[in-house]
Protein backbone atom coordinates (compact mmCIF):
# COMPACT_ATOMS: atom_id res chain seq x y z
CA MET A 1 25.07 10.40 3.57
CA SER A 2 27.34 11.82 0.87
CA TRP A 3 26.09 14.19 -1.82
CA GLY A 4 26.25 11.39 -4.40
CA GLU A 5 24.23 9.07 -2.18
CA GLN A 6 21.64 11.79 -1.63
CA VAL A 7 21.30 12.38 -5.38
CA TYR A 8 20.96 8.64 -6.04
CA SER A 9 18.43 8.25 -3.23
CA ALA A 10 16.32 11.13 -4.58
CA TRP A 11 16.49 9.68 -8.11
CA TRP A 12 15.54 6.20 -6.89
CA ASN A 13 12.58 7.49 -4.88
CA ALA A 14 11.34 9.48 -7.88
CA ARG A 15 11.67 6.36 -10.06
CA LYS A 16 9.68 4.30 -7.55
CA LEU A 17 6.90 6.90 -7.65
CA VAL A 18 6.74 6.62 -11.45
CA VAL A 19 6.50 2.81 -11.30
CA VAL A 20 3.84 2.87 -8.59
CA GLY A 21 1.94 5.60 -10.42
CA ARG A 22 1.68 3.28 -13.42
CA MET A 23 0.63 0.36 -11.22
CA LEU A 24 -2.17 2.44 -9.71
CA SER A 25 -3.23 3.97 -13.04
CA ASN A 26 -3.66 0.51 -14.57
CA ALA A 27 -5.55 -0.91 -11.59
CA ASN A 28 -9.25 -1.73 -11.68
CA ARG A 29 -9.45 -1.63 -7.88
CA VAL A 30 -7.11 -0.45 -5.15
CA VAL A 31 -7.20 -2.45 -1.94
CA LEU A 32 -5.73 -1.52 1.42
CA LEU A 33 -4.27 -4.42 3.40
CA ASN A 34 -2.17 -4.77 6.55
CA ALA A 35 -0.49 -7.94 5.19
CA LEU A 36 -0.38 -9.86 1.93
CA PRO A 37 -2.33 -13.10 2.35
CA LEU A 38 -0.96 -15.33 -0.40
CA ASN A 39 -3.99 -17.60 -0.18
CA ALA A 40 -6.11 -14.64 -1.38
CA ILE A 41 -4.55 -15.06 -4.84
CA GLU A 42 -6.03 -17.95 -6.79
CA GLY A 43 -3.98 -20.37 -8.83
CA GLU A 44 -0.87 -22.39 -8.32
CA VAL A 45 1.56 -20.13 -10.19
CA PHE A 46 1.44 -16.36 -9.97
CA THR A 47 3.79 -13.41 -9.92
CA ILE A 48 3.80 -10.53 -7.45
CA ASN A 49 5.64 -7.26 -7.99
CA CYS A 50 5.99 -4.89 -5.03
CA VAL A 51 7.58 -1.51 -4.44
CA LYS A 52 8.51 -0.68 -0.84
CA PHE A 53 8.43 2.76 0.74
CA ASN A 54 9.79 3.35 4.23
CA ASP A 55 7.64 6.46 4.57
CA VAL A 56 3.87 6.10 4.33
CA SER A 57 3.50 9.85 3.62
CA VAL A 58 4.30 9.01 -0.02
CA LEU A 59 0.56 8.33 -0.28
CA LYS A 60 0.02 12.11 -0.35
CA GLU A 61 1.94 12.17 -3.63
CA LEU A 62 0.04 9.16 -4.99
CA ALA A 63 -3.42 10.43 -4.02
CA GLU A 64 -3.96 11.95 -7.49
CA LYS A 65 -3.51 8.50 -9.10
CA LEU A 66 -6.23 7.13 -6.81
CA LYS A 67 -8.92 9.59 -7.90
CA GLY A 68 -11.83 7.83 -9.56
CA LYS A 69 -10.61 4.38 -8.46
CA THR A 70 -12.60 1.93 -6.39
CA ILE A 71 -10.72 1.84 -3.08
CA LEU A 72 -11.50 -0.93 -0.62
CA SER A 73 -10.13 -1.41 2.88
CA TYR A 74 -9.48 -4.84 4.34
CA VAL A 75 -7.81 -3.49 7.48
CA ARG A 76 -9.40 -3.96 10.89
CA HIS A 77 -7.07 -1.62 12.83
CA GLU A 78 -8.92 1.70 13.11
CA SER A 79 -5.84 3.89 13.67
CA THR A 80 -4.14 2.56 10.52
CA VAL A 81 -7.28 3.09 8.43
CA LYS A 82 -7.62 6.67 9.73
CA LEU A 83 -3.98 7.43 8.87
CA ILE A 84 -4.31 6.08 5.30
CA SER A 85 -7.66 7.84 4.83
CA ARG A 86 -6.13 11.14 5.87
CA LEU A 87 -3.14 10.72 3.54
CA ILE A 88 -5.15 9.80 0.43
CA GLY A 89 -8.12 12.07 1.15
CA VAL A 90 -10.71 9.27 0.98
CA GLU A 91 -12.73 8.13 3.98
CA LEU A 92 -12.30 4.40 4.53
CA LYS A 93 -13.81 2.22 7.24
CA PRO A 94 -12.14 -0.54 9.23
CA THR A 95 -13.39 -4.02 8.38
CA ALA A 96 -12.70 -7.63 9.28
CA GLU A 97 -13.70 -8.90 5.81
CA LEU A 98 -11.30 -11.26 4.05
CA TYR A 99 -9.62 -10.08 0.86
CA LYS A 100 -9.90 -12.12 -2.35
CA HIS A 101 -7.67 -10.97 -5.20
CA LYS A 102 -9.20 -10.04 -8.55
CA GLY A 103 -7.19 -9.50 -11.71
CA GLY A 104 -6.29 -5.84 -12.03
CA ASP A 105 -6.08 -5.18 -8.28
CA ALA A 106 -3.36 -2.93 -6.93
CA MET A 107 -2.66 -3.69 -3.28
CA ILE A 108 -1.47 -1.04 -0.84
CA ILE A 109 -0.05 -2.89 2.15
CA ALA A 110 0.57 -0.79 5.26
CA THR A 111 2.47 -2.65 7.97
CA LEU A 112 3.90 -1.56 11.29
CA LYS A 113 7.69 -1.27 11.27
CA THR A 114 7.66 -2.79 14.75
CA PRO A 115 4.74 -5.21 15.21
CA ALA A 116 2.67 -4.79 18.36
CA ARG A 117 0.94 -8.15 18.72
CA GLY A 118 -2.34 -7.95 20.59
CA ALA A 119 -1.81 -4.31 21.60
CA GLU A 120 -4.00 -1.45 20.46
CA VAL A 121 -1.60 1.26 19.29
CA GLU A 122 -2.15 4.73 17.89
CA VAL A 123 -0.34 4.69 14.55
CA LYS A 124 1.70 7.66 13.33
CA GLU A 125 3.27 8.14 9.89
CA GLY A 126 6.72 7.11 11.09
CA ASP A 127 5.41 3.80 12.45
CA VAL A 128 4.32 2.39 9.10
CA GLU A 129 6.08 1.10 6.01
CA LEU A 130 4.24 0.75 2.77
CA TYR A 131 4.26 -1.74 -0.10
CA VAL A 132 2.39 -1.24 -3.33
CA CYS A 133 1.92 -4.57 -5.12
CA VAL A 134 0.27 -6.13 -8.14
CA ALA A 135 -0.18 -9.84 -8.81
CA TRP A 136 -1.02 -11.76 -11.94
CA GLY A 137 -1.16 -15.31 -13.18
CA GLY A 138 -2.95 -18.17 -11.57
């Protein structure tokens, strides 16, 4: 990567952190998901904005924005929940509950870069990509 590309990449990542920081600051609740179930959002017309991070460790930088927020986990995979809990400094529990969107929710979606269907895998930081999303309308 050239020097110019490195500078642009650093600027873009910093900009994404600002945008996501605002999304989290304005959220009533923060929910952890392993996928975005569109049927969890009520209404026939809605808008979703997402910011993607290829490195889940960005949550360490966002942990400050999560302080004082209601954080709910809708992830069943124990290893993923442990990883996110460690990064944000909040103990979360795995659950099989279904998520239902509420206005003001910020959604943190942690997905495996390479899906492992039906296999129980130990998740490491490099295995996960992260999306931070908000939805409105309906």
